[in-house]
Amino acid sequence: MTTTAETRDADDVRRNLLEFLKQRAKAEVEPDFDLFAGGLVSSLFALELVVHLENAFGVTVGGEDLKIDNFRTVDAMTALVVRSGGARG
């Protein structure tokens, strides 16, 4: 089944992000794990996260949405995607 923005929910976003981190950062984390404090995310990797969110979920991340707290945890990124209309809450 193809998942679209209209049918995607927060759990789908969370699963996608956890898998992305597993593949790219070679780490399995909990959704509330602080990626920056844990040393998994550098400023360059943070940019990769922005690009991934935009490409995977069809959202535009800019302005106030670019603050670090929106990328600190998988839960925070999931909330950003939901707020941006890329998934249902």
Protein backbone atom coordinates (compact mmCIF):
# COMPACT_ATOMS: atom_id res chain seq x y z
CA MET A 1 0.00 0.00 0.00
CA THR A 2 1.31 3.43 -0.88
CA THR A 3 1.26 5.91 1.95
CA THR A 4 0.43 9.50 1.04
CA ALA A 5 0.41 12.63 3.15
CA GLU A 6 -3.35 12.27 3.45
CA THR A 7 -3.16 8.75 4.89
CA ARG A 8 0.18 8.93 6.69
CA ASP A 9 -0.03 9.33 10.44
CA ALA A 10 2.42 10.24 13.18
CA ASP A 11 3.34 6.59 13.76
CA ASP A 12 4.32 6.22 10.09
CA VAL A 13 6.52 9.30 10.36
CA ARG A 14 8.12 8.03 13.57
CA ARG A 15 8.87 4.62 12.01
CA ASN A 16 10.34 6.26 8.92
CA LEU A 17 12.62 8.50 10.98
CA LEU A 18 13.78 5.66 13.23
CA GLU A 19 14.65 3.61 10.14
CA PHE A 20 16.42 6.58 8.54
CA LEU A 21 18.54 7.04 11.67
CA LYS A 22 19.26 3.33 11.83
CA GLN A 23 20.55 3.36 8.25
CA ARG A 24 22.35 6.72 8.18
CA ALA A 25 23.64 7.04 11.77
CA LYS A 26 24.00 3.30 12.34
CA ALA A 27 22.11 3.65 15.61
CA GLU A 28 18.84 2.43 17.02
CA VAL A 29 17.33 5.04 19.32
CA GLU A 30 14.16 5.60 21.26
CA PRO A 31 11.80 8.28 19.91
CA ASP A 32 12.58 10.56 22.88
CA PHE A 33 16.39 10.15 22.75
CA ASP A 34 18.22 13.51 22.44
CA LEU A 35 20.16 13.06 19.21
CA PHE A 36 22.37 16.11 19.76
CA ALA A 37 23.24 15.43 23.40
CA GLY A 38 23.86 11.78 22.48
CA GLY A 39 26.38 12.80 19.81
CA LEU A 40 24.51 11.21 16.90
CA VAL A 41 23.80 14.43 15.02
CA SER A 42 26.30 16.97 13.76
CA SER A 43 25.35 20.20 12.04
CA LEU A 44 25.91 18.53 8.66
CA PHE A 45 23.72 15.57 9.58
CA ALA A 46 21.06 18.00 10.82
CA LEU A 47 20.90 19.35 7.27
CA GLU A 48 20.44 15.79 6.01
CA LEU A 49 17.52 15.45 8.41
CA VAL A 50 15.90 18.60 7.00
CA VAL A 51 16.29 17.31 3.44
CA HIS A 52 14.91 13.92 4.46
CA LEU A 53 11.84 15.46 6.11
CA GLU A 54 11.16 17.62 3.06
CA ASN A 55 11.60 14.78 0.56
CA ALA A 56 9.94 11.98 2.51
CA PHE A 57 6.94 13.92 3.78
CA GLY A 58 6.47 16.74 1.29
CA VAL A 59 6.90 19.50 3.85
CA THR A 60 8.92 22.69 3.66
CA VAL A 61 11.11 23.40 6.66
CA GLY A 62 12.19 27.00 7.01
CA GLY A 63 12.16 30.04 9.25
CA GLU A 64 11.10 29.27 12.81
CA ASP A 65 10.87 25.56 12.02
CA LEU A 66 14.65 25.37 11.64
CA LYS A 67 15.30 25.71 15.37
CA ILE A 68 17.33 22.89 16.88
CA ASP A 69 14.59 21.77 19.26
CA ASN A 70 12.52 20.60 16.28
CA PHE A 71 15.29 18.11 15.42
CA ARG A 72 16.47 17.09 18.89
CA THR A 73 14.39 13.89 19.02
CA VAL A 74 12.42 11.68 16.66
CA ASP A 75 9.28 12.73 18.54
CA ALA A 76 10.09 16.41 17.93
CA MET A 77 10.63 15.81 14.20
CA THR A 78 7.41 13.81 14.04
CA ALA A 79 5.52 16.71 15.63
CA LEU A 80 7.10 19.09 13.11
CA VAL A 81 5.92 16.96 10.18
CA VAL A 82 2.39 16.76 11.63
CA ARG A 83 2.30 20.55 12.23
CA SER A 84 3.55 21.14 8.70
CA GLY A 85 0.78 19.04 7.18
CA GLY A 86 2.92 16.07 6.13
CA ALA A 87 0.92 13.64 8.29
CA ARG A 88 -2.13 13.34 10.50
CA GLY A 89 -1.64 13.71 14.26
